[in-house]
Amino acid sequence: MKFNEETFEYLNPEDYGINKRQKIIRVSDDEIGIVKLRKSRIIMKDGKQIIQISEAIKSKNSMLKVNLIISGPICSKTTKYLNENNINIICID
């Protein structure tokens, strides 16, 4: 999947109580994506941070589904951890 910034609506992370350096986008009416575009591997430490961000988003609207949008590799244990916490992982080019 090719990531085109113009396709998605960027949301203000501060509206969800998240650090303003985090990038979040509206994927659809009931889905939000946490964007992590980097070349280095996403490890368990990052996974725990992603869960915290997800919980902050869901505290504002519990009906939202949270996705992780990544461009780099991700640790297999982190993948399992995120899937167990209902976060879909979307890999892009």
PDB file of N, CA and C in Angstrom:
ATOM      1  N   MET A   1       0.847  -1.175   0.000  1.00  0.00           N
ATOM      2  CA  MET A   1       0.000   0.000   0.000  1.00  0.00           C
ATOM      3  C   MET A   1       0.889   1.233   0.000  1.00  0.00           C
ATOM      4  N   LYS A   2       0.660   2.118  -0.902  1.00  0.00           N
ATOM      5  CA  LYS A   2       1.419   3.361  -0.991  1.00  0.00           C
ATOM      6  C   LYS A   2       0.757   4.405  -0.096  1.00  0.00           C
ATOM      7  N   PHE A   3       1.535   5.067   0.732  1.00  0.00           N
ATOM      8  CA  PHE A   3       0.999   6.067   1.653  1.00  0.00           C
ATOM      9  C   PHE A   3       1.018   7.417   0.974  1.00  0.00           C
ATOM     10  N   ASN A   4      -0.151   7.993   0.821  1.00  0.00           N
ATOM     11  CA  ASN A   4      -0.287   9.311   0.224  1.00  0.00           C
ATOM     12  C   ASN A   4      -0.883  10.233   1.287  1.00  0.00           C
ATOM     13  N   GLU A   5      -0.103  11.204   1.723  1.00  0.00           N
ATOM     14  CA  GLU A   5      -0.534  12.077   2.817  1.00  0.00           C
ATOM     15  C   GLU A   5      -1.804  12.847   2.487  1.00  0.00           C
ATOM     16  N   GLU A   6      -2.039  13.125   1.204  1.00  0.00           N
ATOM     17  CA  GLU A   6      -3.220  13.887   0.815  1.00  0.00           C
ATOM     18  C   GLU A   6      -4.495  13.065   0.940  1.00  0.00           C
ATOM     19  N   THR A   7      -4.375  11.746   0.972  1.00  0.00           N
ATOM     20  CA  THR A   7      -5.539  10.861   1.034  1.00  0.00           C
ATOM     21  C   THR A   7      -6.187  10.887   2.409  1.00  0.00           C
ATOM     22  N   PHE A   8      -5.408  11.117   3.450  1.00  0.00           N
ATOM     23  CA  PHE A   8      -5.901  11.008   4.815  1.00  0.00           C
ATOM     24  C   PHE A   8      -6.019  12.370   5.485  1.00  0.00           C
ATOM     25  N   GLU A   9      -6.921  12.443   6.442  1.00  0.00           N
ATOM     26  CA  GLU A   9      -7.108  13.647   7.231  1.00  0.00           C
ATOM     27  C   GLU A   9      -6.291  13.524   8.515  1.00  0.00           C
ATOM     28  N   TYR A  10      -5.314  14.418   8.685  1.00  0.00           N
ATOM     29  CA  TYR A  10      -4.531  14.421   9.923  1.00  0.00           C
ATOM     30  C   TYR A  10      -5.371  15.024  11.037  1.00  0.00           C
ATOM     31  N   LEU A  11      -5.296  14.420  12.201  1.00  0.00           N
ATOM     32  CA  LEU A  11      -6.037  14.886  13.367  1.00  0.00           C
ATOM     33  C   LEU A  11      -5.085  15.545  14.351  1.00  0.00           C
ATOM     34  N   ASN A  12      -5.623  16.426  15.168  1.00  0.00           N
ATOM     35  CA  ASN A  12      -4.819  17.087  16.189  1.00  0.00           C
ATOM     36  C   ASN A  12      -4.663  16.128  17.371  1.00  0.00           C
ATOM     37  N   PRO A  13      -3.442  15.654  17.629  1.00  0.00           N
ATOM     38  CA  PRO A  13      -3.250  14.693  18.718  1.00  0.00           C
ATOM     39  C   PRO A  13      -3.612  15.256  20.091  1.00  0.00           C
ATOM     40  N   GLU A  14      -3.503  16.565  20.256  1.00  0.00           N
ATOM     41  CA  GLU A  14      -3.809  17.171  21.550  1.00  0.00           C
ATOM     42  C   GLU A  14      -5.299  17.056  21.888  1.00  0.00           C
ATOM     43  N   ASP A  15      -6.156  16.889  20.864  1.00  0.00           N
ATOM     44  CA  ASP A  15      -7.587  16.678  21.108  1.00  0.00           C
ATOM     45  C   ASP A  15      -7.837  15.357  21.829  1.00  0.00           C
ATOM     46  N   TYR A  16      -6.891  14.438  21.706  1.00  0.00           N
ATOM     47  CA  TYR A  16      -7.010  13.119  22.330  1.00  0.00           C
ATOM     48  C   TYR A  16      -6.092  12.969  23.544  1.00  0.00           C
ATOM     49  N   GLY A  17      -5.451  14.061  23.955  1.00  0.00           N
ATOM     50  CA  GLY A  17      -4.558  14.012  25.109  1.00  0.00           C
ATOM     51  C   GLY A  17      -3.229  13.342  24.805  1.00  0.00           C
ATOM     52  N   ILE A  18      -2.803  13.426  23.548  1.00  0.00           N
ATOM     53  CA  ILE A  18      -1.566  12.787  23.098  1.00  0.00           C
ATOM     54  C   ILE A  18      -0.543  13.872  22.790  1.00  0.00           C
ATOM     55  N   ASN A  19       0.737  13.550  22.956  1.00  0.00           N
ATOM     56  CA  ASN A  19       1.828  14.457  22.618  1.00  0.00           C
ATOM     57  C   ASN A  19       1.670  14.953  21.186  1.00  0.00           C
ATOM     58  N   LYS A  20       1.878  16.250  20.968  1.00  0.00           N
ATOM     59  CA  LYS A  20       1.649  16.833  19.643  1.00  0.00           C
ATOM     60  C   LYS A  20       2.631  16.345  18.581  1.00  0.00           C
ATOM     61  N   ARG A  21       3.709  15.664  18.978  1.00  0.00           N
ATOM     62  CA  ARG A  21       4.652  15.126  17.990  1.00  0.00           C
ATOM     63  C   ARG A  21       4.155  13.830  17.356  1.00  0.00           C
ATOM     64  N   GLN A  22       3.159  13.203  17.968  1.00  0.00           N
ATOM     65  CA  GLN A  22       2.584  11.979  17.398  1.00  0.00           C
ATOM     66  C   GLN A  22       1.723  12.345  16.193  1.00  0.00           C
ATOM     67  N   LYS A  23       1.766  11.507  15.176  1.00  0.00           N
ATOM     68  CA  LYS A  23       0.919  11.723  14.009  1.00  0.00           C
ATOM     69  C   LYS A  23      -0.222  10.722  14.050  1.00  0.00           C
ATOM     70  N   ILE A  24      -1.440  11.243  13.999  1.00  0.00           N
ATOM     71  CA  ILE A  24      -2.601  10.366  13.906  1.00  0.00           C
ATOM     72  C   ILE A  24      -3.472  10.844  12.751  1.00  0.00           C
ATOM     73  N   ILE A  25      -4.078   9.880  12.071  1.00  0.00           N
ATOM     74  CA  ILE A  25      -4.909  10.192  10.917  1.00  0.00           C
ATOM     75  C   ILE A  25      -6.250   9.492  11.039  1.00  0.00           C
ATOM     76  N   ARG A  26      -7.234  10.046  10.337  1.00  0.00           N
ATOM     77  CA  ARG A  26      -8.532   9.387  10.247  1.00  0.00           C
ATOM     78  C   ARG A  26      -8.492   8.472   9.040  1.00  0.00           C
ATOM     79  N   VAL A  27      -8.615   7.173   9.272  1.00  0.00           N
ATOM     80  CA  VAL A  27      -8.609   6.180   8.203  1.00  0.00           C
ATOM     81  C   VAL A  27     -10.013   6.051   7.622  1.00  0.00           C
ATOM     82  N   SER A  28     -11.010   6.024   8.493  1.00  0.00           N
ATOM     83  CA  SER A  28     -12.421   6.011   8.097  1.00  0.00           C
ATOM     84  C   SER A  28     -13.211   6.632   9.245  1.00  0.00           C
ATOM     85  N   ASP A  29     -14.531   6.623   9.130  1.00  0.00           N
ATOM     86  CA  ASP A  29     -15.350   7.246  10.173  1.00  0.00           C
ATOM     87  C   ASP A  29     -15.159   6.611  11.542  1.00  0.00           C
ATOM     88  N   ASP A  30     -14.859   5.316  11.562  1.00  0.00           N
ATOM     89  CA  ASP A  30     -14.717   4.629  12.847  1.00  0.00           C
ATOM     90  C   ASP A  30     -13.319   4.063  13.079  1.00  0.00           C
ATOM     91  N   GLU A  31     -12.331   4.546  12.305  1.00  0.00           N
ATOM     92  CA  GLU A  31     -10.952   4.067  12.468  1.00  0.00           C
ATOM     93  C   GLU A  31      -9.968   5.228  12.483  1.00  0.00           C
ATOM     94  N   ILE A  32      -9.000   5.113  13.381  1.00  0.00           N
ATOM     95  CA  ILE A  32      -7.909   6.088  13.473  1.00  0.00           C
ATOM     96  C   ILE A  32      -6.601   5.330  13.328  1.00  0.00           C
ATOM     97  N   GLY A  33      -5.632   5.951  12.663  1.00  0.00           N
ATOM     98  CA  GLY A  33      -4.328   5.334  12.491  1.00  0.00           C
ATOM     99  C   GLY A  33      -3.246   6.109  13.214  1.00  0.00           C
ATOM    100  N   ILE A  34      -2.392   5.388  13.922  1.00  0.00           N
ATOM    101  CA  ILE A  34      -1.199   5.973  14.531  1.00  0.00           C
ATOM    102  C   ILE A  34      -0.087   5.765  13.513  1.00  0.00           C
ATOM    103  N   VAL A  35       0.522   6.843  13.047  1.00  0.00           N
ATOM    104  CA  VAL A  35       1.509   6.772  11.970  1.00  0.00           C
ATOM    105  C   VAL A  35       2.917   6.741  12.548  1.00  0.00           C
ATOM    106  N   LYS A  36       3.677   5.711  12.180  1.00  0.00           N
ATOM    107  CA  LYS A  36       5.085   5.570  12.580  1.00  0.00           C
ATOM    108  C   LYS A  36       5.886   5.289  11.308  1.00  0.00           C
ATOM    109  N   LEU A  37       6.337   6.336  10.653  1.00  0.00           N
ATOM    110  CA  LEU A  37       7.113   6.178   9.429  1.00  0.00           C
ATOM    111  C   LEU A  37       8.589   6.322   9.772  1.00  0.00           C
ATOM    112  N   ARG A  38       9.263   5.197   9.887  1.00  0.00           N
ATOM    113  CA  ARG A  38      10.693   5.198  10.190  1.00  0.00           C
ATOM    114  C   ARG A  38      11.314   3.907   9.687  1.00  0.00           C
ATOM    115  N   LYS A  39      12.618   3.936   9.554  1.00  0.00           N
ATOM    116  CA  LYS A  39      13.329   2.775   9.016  1.00  0.00           C
ATOM    117  C   LYS A  39      13.737   1.786  10.099  1.00  0.00           C
ATOM    118  N   SER A  40      13.863   2.262  11.337  1.00  0.00           N
ATOM    119  CA  SER A  40      14.309   1.365  12.406  1.00  0.00           C
ATOM    120  C   SER A  40      13.158   0.480  12.889  1.00  0.00           C
ATOM    121  N   ARG A  41      13.521  -0.649  13.460  1.00  0.00           N
ATOM    122  CA  ARG A  41      12.554  -1.654  13.912  1.00  0.00           C
ATOM    123  C   ARG A  41      11.713  -1.122  15.078  1.00  0.00           C
ATOM    124  N   ILE A  42      10.439  -1.444  15.053  1.00  0.00           N
ATOM    125  CA  ILE A  42       9.553  -1.129  16.167  1.00  0.00           C
ATOM    126  C   ILE A  42       9.657  -2.279  17.161  1.00  0.00           C
ATOM    127  N   ILE A  43      10.050  -1.950  18.402  1.00  0.00           N
ATOM    128  CA  ILE A  43      10.278  -2.979  19.424  1.00  0.00           C
ATOM    129  C   ILE A  43       9.190  -2.899  20.501  1.00  0.00           C
ATOM    130  N   MET A  44       9.270  -3.789  21.475  1.00  0.00           N
ATOM    131  CA  MET A  44       8.246  -3.880  22.515  1.00  0.00           C
ATOM    132  C   MET A  44       8.073  -2.560  23.270  1.00  0.00           C
ATOM    133  N   LYS A  45       9.147  -1.837  23.504  1.00  0.00           N
ATOM    134  CA  LYS A  45       9.053  -0.539  24.175  1.00  0.00           C
ATOM    135  C   LYS A  45       8.135   0.388  23.382  1.00  0.00           C
ATOM    136  N   ASP A  46       8.282   0.384  22.061  1.00  0.00           N
ATOM    137  CA  ASP A  46       7.412   1.186  21.199  1.00  0.00           C
ATOM    138  C   ASP A  46       5.978   0.665  21.264  1.00  0.00           C
ATOM    139  N   GLY A  47       5.832  -0.656  21.314  1.00  0.00           N
ATOM    140  CA  GLY A  47       4.510  -1.271  21.385  1.00  0.00           C
ATOM    141  C   GLY A  47       3.742  -0.829  22.614  1.00  0.00           C
ATOM    142  N   LYS A  48       4.422  -0.742  23.741  1.00  0.00           N
ATOM    143  CA  LYS A  48       3.770  -0.297  24.976  1.00  0.00           C
ATOM    144  C   LYS A  48       3.336   1.161  24.859  1.00  0.00           C
ATOM    145  N   GLN A  49       4.158   1.976  24.202  1.00  0.00           N
ATOM    146  CA  GLN A  49       3.804   3.377  23.974  1.00  0.00           C
ATOM    147  C   GLN A  49       2.584   3.469  23.044  1.00  0.00           C
ATOM    148  N   ILE A  50       2.541   2.616  22.032  1.00  0.00           N
ATOM    149  CA  ILE A  50       1.419   2.605  21.093  1.00  0.00           C
ATOM    150  C   ILE A  50       0.130   2.220  21.816  1.00  0.00           C
ATOM    151  N   ILE A  51       0.211   1.273  22.746  1.00  0.00           N
ATOM    152  CA  ILE A  51      -0.961   0.881  23.537  1.00  0.00           C
ATOM    153  C   ILE A  51      -1.443   2.065  24.375  1.00  0.00           C
ATOM    154  N   GLN A  52      -0.528   2.821  24.961  1.00  0.00           N
ATOM    155  CA  GLN A  52      -0.910   3.997  25.753  1.00  0.00           C
ATOM    156  C   GLN A  52      -1.619   5.032  24.881  1.00  0.00           C
ATOM    157  N   ILE A  53      -1.109   5.239  23.670  1.00  0.00           N
ATOM    158  CA  ILE A  53      -1.737   6.180  22.741  1.00  0.00           C
ATOM    159  C   ILE A  53      -3.132   5.683  22.378  1.00  0.00           C
ATOM    160  N   SER A  54      -3.235   4.387  22.110  1.00  0.00           N
ATOM    161  CA  SER A  54      -4.522   3.781  21.772  1.00  0.00           C
ATOM    162  C   SER A  54      -5.532   3.965  22.903  1.00  0.00           C
ATOM    163  N   GLU A  55      -5.097   3.757  24.129  1.00  0.00           N
ATOM    164  CA  GLU A  55      -5.985   3.917  25.282  1.00  0.00           C
ATOM    165  C   GLU A  55      -6.439   5.366  25.427  1.00  0.00           C
ATOM    166  N   ALA A  56      -5.545   6.323  25.140  1.00  0.00           N
ATOM    167  CA  ALA A  56      -5.911   7.738  25.206  1.00  0.00           C
ATOM    168  C   ALA A  56      -6.961   8.067  24.148  1.00  0.00           C
ATOM    169  N   ILE A  57      -6.804   7.509  22.952  1.00  0.00           N
ATOM    170  CA  ILE A  57      -7.774   7.734  21.876  1.00  0.00           C
ATOM    171  C   ILE A  57      -9.123   7.125  22.253  1.00  0.00           C
ATOM    172  N   LYS A  58      -9.093   5.898  22.756  1.00  0.00           N
ATOM    173  CA  LYS A  58     -10.341   5.211  23.103  1.00  0.00           C
ATOM    174  C   LYS A  58     -11.022   5.817  24.326  1.00  0.00           C
ATOM    175  N   SER A  59     -10.279   6.541  25.158  1.00  0.00           N
ATOM    176  CA  SER A  59     -10.905   7.205  26.303  1.00  0.00           C
ATOM    177  C   SER A  59     -11.789   8.360  25.836  1.00  0.00           C
ATOM    178  N   LYS A  60     -11.480   8.923  24.683  1.00  0.00           N
ATOM    179  CA  LYS A  60     -12.298   9.996  24.103  1.00  0.00           C
ATOM    180  C   LYS A  60     -13.486   9.434  23.335  1.00  0.00           C
ATOM    181  N   ASN A  61     -13.274   8.289  22.655  1.00  0.00           N
ATOM    182  CA  ASN A  61     -14.341   7.654  21.881  1.00  0.00           C
ATOM    183  C   ASN A  61     -14.073   6.152  21.850  1.00  0.00           C
ATOM    184  N   SER A  62     -14.793   5.431  22.675  1.00  0.00           N
ATOM    185  CA  SER A  62     -14.534   3.989  22.813  1.00  0.00           C
ATOM    186  C   SER A  62     -14.932   3.184  21.584  1.00  0.00           C
ATOM    187  N   MET A  63     -15.684   3.775  20.665  1.00  0.00           N
ATOM    188  CA  MET A  63     -16.123   3.058  19.463  1.00  0.00           C
ATOM    189  C   MET A  63     -15.057   3.062  18.361  1.00  0.00           C
ATOM    190  N   LEU A  64     -14.020   3.869  18.503  1.00  0.00           N
ATOM    191  CA  LEU A  64     -12.987   3.956  17.469  1.00  0.00           C
ATOM    192  C   LEU A  64     -12.104   2.716  17.463  1.00  0.00           C
ATOM    193  N   LYS A  65     -11.745   2.282  16.281  1.00  0.00           N
ATOM    194  CA  LYS A  65     -10.796   1.187  16.093  1.00  0.00           C
ATOM    195  C   LYS A  65      -9.448   1.830  15.776  1.00  0.00           C
ATOM    196  N   VAL A  66      -8.394   1.345  16.398  1.00  0.00           N
ATOM    197  CA  VAL A  66      -7.071   1.944  16.235  1.00  0.00           C
ATOM    198  C   VAL A  66      -6.189   1.025  15.400  1.00  0.00           C
ATOM    199  N   ASN A  67      -5.525   1.608  14.400  1.00  0.00           N
ATOM    200  CA  ASN A  67      -4.576   0.899  13.547  1.00  0.00           C
ATOM    201  C   ASN A  67      -3.194   1.510  13.742  1.00  0.00           C
ATOM    202  N   LEU A  68      -2.181   0.722  13.498  1.00  0.00           N
ATOM    203  CA  LEU A  68      -0.806   1.215  13.473  1.00  0.00           C
ATOM    204  C   LEU A  68      -0.346   1.189  12.028  1.00  0.00           C
ATOM    205  N   ILE A  69       0.078   2.332  11.518  1.00  0.00           N
ATOM    206  CA  ILE A  69       0.550   2.440  10.139  1.00  0.00           C
ATOM    207  C   ILE A  69       2.058   2.609  10.193  1.00  0.00           C
ATOM    208  N   ILE A  70       2.786   1.621   9.637  1.00  0.00           N
ATOM    209  CA  ILE A  70       4.247   1.616   9.734  1.00  0.00           C
ATOM    210  C   ILE A  70       4.882   1.477   8.357  1.00  0.00           C
ATOM    211  N   SER A  71       6.127   1.932   8.277  1.00  0.00           N
ATOM    212  CA  SER A  71       6.883   1.791   7.028  1.00  0.00           C
ATOM    213  C   SER A  71       8.098   0.898   7.197  1.00  0.00           C
ATOM    214  N   GLY A  72       8.447   0.560   8.422  1.00  0.00           N
ATOM    215  CA  GLY A  72       9.642  -0.243   8.676  1.00  0.00           C
ATOM    216  C   GLY A  72       9.299  -1.578   9.299  1.00  0.00           C
ATOM    217  N   PRO A  73      10.322  -2.315   9.704  1.00  0.00           N
ATOM    218  CA  PRO A  73      10.095  -3.635  10.313  1.00  0.00           C
ATOM    219  C   PRO A  73       9.537  -3.514  11.732  1.00  0.00           C
ATOM    220  N   ILE A  74       8.938  -4.605  12.190  1.00  0.00           N
ATOM    221  CA  ILE A  74       8.390  -4.655  13.542  1.00  0.00           C
ATOM    222  C   ILE A  74       8.734  -6.009  14.154  1.00  0.00           C
ATOM    223  N   CYS A  75       9.111  -5.999  15.399  1.00  0.00           N
ATOM    224  CA  CYS A  75       9.456  -7.215  16.140  1.00  0.00           C
ATOM    225  C   CYS A  75       8.240  -8.147  16.194  1.00  0.00           C
ATOM    226  N   SER A  76       8.461  -9.449  16.043  1.00  0.00           N
ATOM    227  CA  SER A  76       7.353 -10.410  16.026  1.00  0.00           C
ATOM    228  C   SER A  76       6.600 -10.441  17.358  1.00  0.00           C
ATOM    229  N   LYS A  77       7.318 -10.285  18.464  1.00  0.00           N
ATOM    230  CA  LYS A  77       6.656 -10.264  19.770  1.00  0.00           C
ATOM    231  C   LYS A  77       5.781  -9.020  19.907  1.00  0.00           C
ATOM    232  N   THR A  78       6.246  -7.914  19.354  1.00  0.00           N
ATOM    233  CA  THR A  78       5.467  -6.677  19.388  1.00  0.00           C
ATOM    234  C   THR A  78       4.222  -6.819  18.528  1.00  0.00           C
ATOM    235  N   THR A  79       4.348  -7.470  17.380  1.00  0.00           N
ATOM    236  CA  THR A  79       3.193  -7.720  16.514  1.00  0.00           C
ATOM    237  C   THR A  79       2.133  -8.509  17.271  1.00  0.00           C
ATOM    238  N   LYS A  80       2.549  -9.565  17.936  1.00  0.00           N
ATOM    239  CA  LYS A  80       1.627 -10.404  18.708  1.00  0.00           C
ATOM    240  C   LYS A  80       0.979  -9.589  19.825  1.00  0.00           C
ATOM    241  N   TYR A  81       1.777  -8.796  20.527  1.00  0.00           N
ATOM    242  CA  TYR A  81       1.290  -7.965  21.631  1.00  0.00           C
ATOM    243  C   TYR A  81       0.235  -6.966  21.149  1.00  0.00           C
ATOM    244  N   LEU A  82       0.502  -6.302  20.030  1.00  0.00           N
ATOM    245  CA  LEU A  82      -0.445  -5.322  19.503  1.00  0.00           C
ATOM    246  C   LEU A  82      -1.726  -6.002  19.024  1.00  0.00           C
ATOM    247  N   ASN A  83      -1.598  -7.145  18.362  1.00  0.00           N
ATOM    248  CA  ASN A  83      -2.783  -7.872  17.902  1.00  0.00           C
ATOM    249  C   ASN A  83      -3.642  -8.328  19.074  1.00  0.00           C
ATOM    250  N   GLU A  84      -3.011  -8.755  20.166  1.00  0.00           N
ATOM    251  CA  GLU A  84      -3.753  -9.158  21.365  1.00  0.00           C
ATOM    252  C   GLU A  84      -4.513  -7.985  21.979  1.00  0.00           C
ATOM    253  N   ASN A  85      -4.033  -6.779  21.710  1.00  0.00           N
ATOM    254  CA  ASN A  85      -4.675  -5.569  22.221  1.00  0.00           C
ATOM    255  C   ASN A  85      -5.528  -4.880  21.157  1.00  0.00           C
ATOM    256  N   ASN A  86      -5.942  -5.644  20.150  1.00  0.00           N
ATOM    257  CA  ASN A  86      -6.870  -5.184  19.106  1.00  0.00           C
ATOM    258  C   ASN A  86      -6.365  -3.993  18.298  1.00  0.00           C
ATOM    259  N   ILE A  87      -5.076  -4.002  17.989  1.00  0.00           N
ATOM    260  CA  ILE A  87      -4.513  -2.976  17.118  1.00  0.00           C
ATOM    261  C   ILE A  87      -4.033  -3.661  15.847  1.00  0.00           C
ATOM    262  N   ASN A  88      -4.646  -3.294  14.729  1.00  0.00           N
ATOM    263  CA  ASN A  88      -4.233  -3.834  13.434  1.00  0.00           C
ATOM    264  C   ASN A  88      -2.986  -3.113  12.965  1.00  0.00           C
ATOM    265  N   ILE A  89      -2.116  -3.831  12.276  1.00  0.00           N
ATOM    266  CA  ILE A  89      -0.883  -3.254  11.756  1.00  0.00           C
ATOM    267  C   ILE A  89      -1.005  -3.172  10.244  1.00  0.00           C
ATOM    268  N   ILE A  90      -0.795  -1.971   9.715  1.00  0.00           N
ATOM    269  CA  ILE A  90      -0.847  -1.743   8.277  1.00  0.00           C
ATOM    270  C   ILE A  90       0.551  -1.351   7.827  1.00  0.00           C
ATOM    271  N   CYS A  91       1.168  -2.181   6.987  1.00  0.00           N
ATOM    272  CA  CYS A  91       2.505  -1.904   6.463  1.00  0.00           C
ATOM    273  C   CYS A  91       2.371  -1.187   5.126  1.00  0.00           C
ATOM    274  N   ILE A  92       3.149  -0.138   4.961  1.00  0.00           N
ATOM    275  CA  ILE A  92       3.124   0.624   3.716  1.00  0.00           C
ATOM    276  C   ILE A  92       4.523   0.700   3.132  1.00  0.00           C
ATOM    277  N   ASP A  93       4.599   1.106   1.883  1.00  0.00           N
ATOM    278  CA  ASP A  93       5.894   1.258   1.194  1.00  0.00           C
ATOM    279  C   ASP A  93       6.506   2.603   1.476  1.00  0.00           C
TER     280      ASP A  93
END
